[in-house]
Amino acid sequence: MPTITKNRGDGTFGPALSLISLLFIIVVISEDDANRFRKQAKEARQHVRRLAMNKLASVVFAVVLSVGSLSLARADQPGPDWMPAQQVIEQVLKSGYTQVTQLEADDGRWEGEGIKNGQKMDFHADPKTGVITFEKLDD
């Protein structure tokens, strides 16, 4: 079998060098493939971590919303020292409304809708006195 050191006289070293060159190319290509595979595996692991964090964030967000909505539901109940809804309606009617179509506890006050001077209005009333603190035309 020819060796690498045997010069053929034309500047080439014969078949042994070609075989080694071929093996070198295969090793280099294999190493490039391995590096590419390592990079893809690393990217895949990072992607899985991001998905897991997104899922965790979604679960935490849902829990926070659930807890928040529970406290909001409690906040929308009339307090023990509030004027009863029927008395608030009577107070609103005395202030020029001809009809009260909606009244509910919201954000620490009574909020309602009604008809005043023939127009549909939104209003806020003080929870303890029933006095109107805000009113505007209903959109």
Protein backbone atom coordinates (compact mmCIF):
# COMPACT_ATOMS: atom_id res chain seq x y z
CA MET A 1 0.00 0.00 0.00
CA PRO A 2 1.43 3.41 -0.93
CA THR A 3 2.38 5.79 1.87
CA ILE A 4 1.79 9.51 2.24
CA THR A 5 5.47 10.35 1.94
CA LYS A 6 5.92 8.75 -1.48
CA ASN A 7 6.04 11.50 -4.06
CA ARG A 8 4.88 10.54 -7.52
CA GLY A 9 7.01 13.22 -9.11
CA ASP A 10 4.07 15.28 -10.31
CA GLY A 11 3.41 17.06 -6.99
CA THR A 12 0.86 14.51 -5.70
CA PHE A 13 1.35 11.87 -3.04
CA GLY A 14 -0.77 9.09 -4.45
CA PRO A 15 -3.88 7.21 -3.30
CA ALA A 16 -2.98 7.11 0.41
CA LEU A 17 -3.26 10.87 0.69
CA SER A 18 -6.62 10.84 -1.09
CA LEU A 19 -7.99 8.30 1.37
CA ILE A 20 -6.76 10.35 4.35
CA SER A 21 -8.22 13.52 2.80
CA LEU A 22 -11.55 11.74 2.39
CA LEU A 23 -11.51 10.57 6.02
CA PHE A 24 -10.60 14.11 7.13
CA ILE A 25 -13.56 15.53 5.19
CA ILE A 26 -15.90 12.93 6.72
CA VAL A 27 -14.62 13.75 10.22
CA VAL A 28 -15.00 17.50 9.61
CA ILE A 29 -18.50 17.08 8.20
CA SER A 30 -19.40 14.80 11.10
CA GLU A 31 -18.05 17.36 13.57
CA ASP A 32 -20.01 20.14 11.84
CA ASP A 33 -23.16 18.00 12.02
CA ALA A 34 -22.50 17.31 15.70
CA ASN A 35 -22.04 21.02 16.39
CA ARG A 36 -25.22 21.80 14.47
CA PHE A 37 -27.07 19.10 16.42
CA ARG A 38 -25.74 20.47 19.74
CA LYS A 39 -26.92 23.97 18.78
CA GLN A 40 -30.37 22.69 17.77
CA ALA A 41 -30.66 20.67 21.00
CA LYS A 42 -29.71 23.74 23.04
CA GLU A 43 -32.31 25.86 21.19
CA ALA A 44 -34.93 23.15 21.75
CA ARG A 45 -34.17 23.06 25.50
CA GLN A 46 -34.45 26.86 25.66
CA HIS A 47 -37.76 26.72 23.79
CA VAL A 48 -39.13 24.10 26.20
CA ARG A 49 -38.05 26.27 29.16
CA ARG A 50 -39.80 29.30 27.62
CA LEU A 51 -42.98 27.28 27.06
CA ALA A 52 -42.88 26.01 30.65
CA MET A 53 -42.40 29.55 31.97
CA ASN A 54 -45.26 30.82 29.78
CA LYS A 55 -47.51 28.06 31.06
CA LEU A 56 -46.50 28.80 34.66
CA ALA A 57 -47.12 32.52 34.10
CA SER A 58 -50.55 31.72 32.65
CA VAL A 59 -51.47 29.59 35.67
CA VAL A 60 -50.27 32.29 38.10
CA PHE A 61 -52.19 34.94 36.15
CA ALA A 62 -55.37 32.84 36.23
CA VAL A 63 -55.04 32.32 40.00
CA VAL A 64 -54.48 36.04 40.57
CA LEU A 65 -57.54 36.87 38.45
CA SER A 66 -59.63 34.35 40.35
CA VAL A 67 -58.60 35.72 43.73
CA GLY A 68 -59.06 39.29 42.49
CA SER A 69 -62.54 38.58 41.15
CA LEU A 70 -63.54 37.02 44.47
CA SER A 71 -62.53 40.15 46.33
CA LEU A 72 -64.31 42.31 43.74
CA ALA A 73 -67.46 40.29 44.16
CA ARG A 74 -67.33 40.93 47.90
CA ALA A 75 -66.64 44.64 47.33
CA ASP A 76 -69.83 44.96 45.24
CA GLN A 77 -72.09 44.20 48.19
CA PRO A 78 -73.69 47.02 50.18
CA GLY A 79 -71.89 47.68 53.45
CA PRO A 80 -73.63 47.19 56.80
CA ASP A 81 -73.92 50.97 57.31
CA TRP A 82 -75.28 51.69 53.82
CA MET A 83 -78.73 53.08 53.16
CA PRO A 84 -81.00 50.30 51.85
CA ALA A 85 -81.56 50.23 48.09
CA GLN A 86 -85.26 51.08 48.36
CA GLN A 87 -84.50 54.23 50.36
CA VAL A 88 -81.82 55.24 47.82
CA ILE A 89 -84.39 54.87 45.02
CA GLU A 90 -86.80 57.10 46.96
CA GLN A 91 -84.04 59.70 47.47
CA VAL A 92 -83.12 59.62 43.75
CA LEU A 93 -86.79 60.04 42.77
CA LYS A 94 -87.00 63.09 45.08
CA SER A 95 -84.06 64.66 43.22
CA GLY A 96 -85.93 64.86 39.90
CA TYR A 97 -85.79 61.34 38.46
CA THR A 98 -89.10 59.95 37.25
CA GLN A 99 -87.88 56.37 37.13
CA VAL A 100 -84.92 54.32 38.41
CA THR A 101 -84.23 51.41 36.04
CA GLN A 102 -81.10 50.00 37.69
CA LEU A 103 -79.34 50.30 41.05
CA GLU A 104 -76.36 48.32 42.29
CA ALA A 105 -73.52 48.55 44.78
CA ASP A 106 -70.23 49.15 42.97
CA ASP A 107 -66.84 50.61 43.92
CA GLY A 108 -68.00 51.72 47.37
CA ARG A 109 -71.09 53.60 46.17
CA TRP A 110 -74.54 53.08 44.70
CA GLU A 111 -74.52 53.22 40.88
CA GLY A 112 -77.68 53.39 38.86
CA GLU A 113 -79.56 54.35 35.75
CA GLY A 114 -82.80 56.20 35.48
CA ILE A 115 -84.91 58.74 33.60
CA LYS A 116 -84.58 62.44 34.40
CA ASN A 117 -86.23 65.20 32.31
CA GLY A 118 -87.12 62.55 29.73
CA GLN A 119 -83.48 61.46 29.23
CA LYS A 120 -81.74 58.26 30.26
CA MET A 121 -79.07 59.06 32.87
CA ASP A 122 -76.29 57.27 34.74
CA PHE A 123 -75.77 58.32 38.35
CA HIS A 124 -73.74 57.62 41.50
CA ALA A 125 -75.25 58.02 44.94
CA ASP A 126 -73.61 58.28 48.35
CA PRO A 127 -73.91 54.90 50.10
CA LYS A 128 -74.96 56.37 53.45
CA THR A 129 -77.20 59.30 52.46
CA GLY A 130 -78.46 58.38 48.98
CA VAL A 131 -77.56 61.86 47.71
CA ILE A 132 -76.54 61.93 44.05
CA THR A 133 -72.80 62.64 43.77
CA PHE A 134 -72.44 62.25 39.98
CA GLU A 135 -74.73 62.06 36.97
CA LYS A 136 -74.38 62.08 33.18
CA LEU A 137 -76.34 61.21 30.08
CA ASP A 138 -76.28 57.48 29.41
CA ASP A 139 -74.24 56.60 26.30
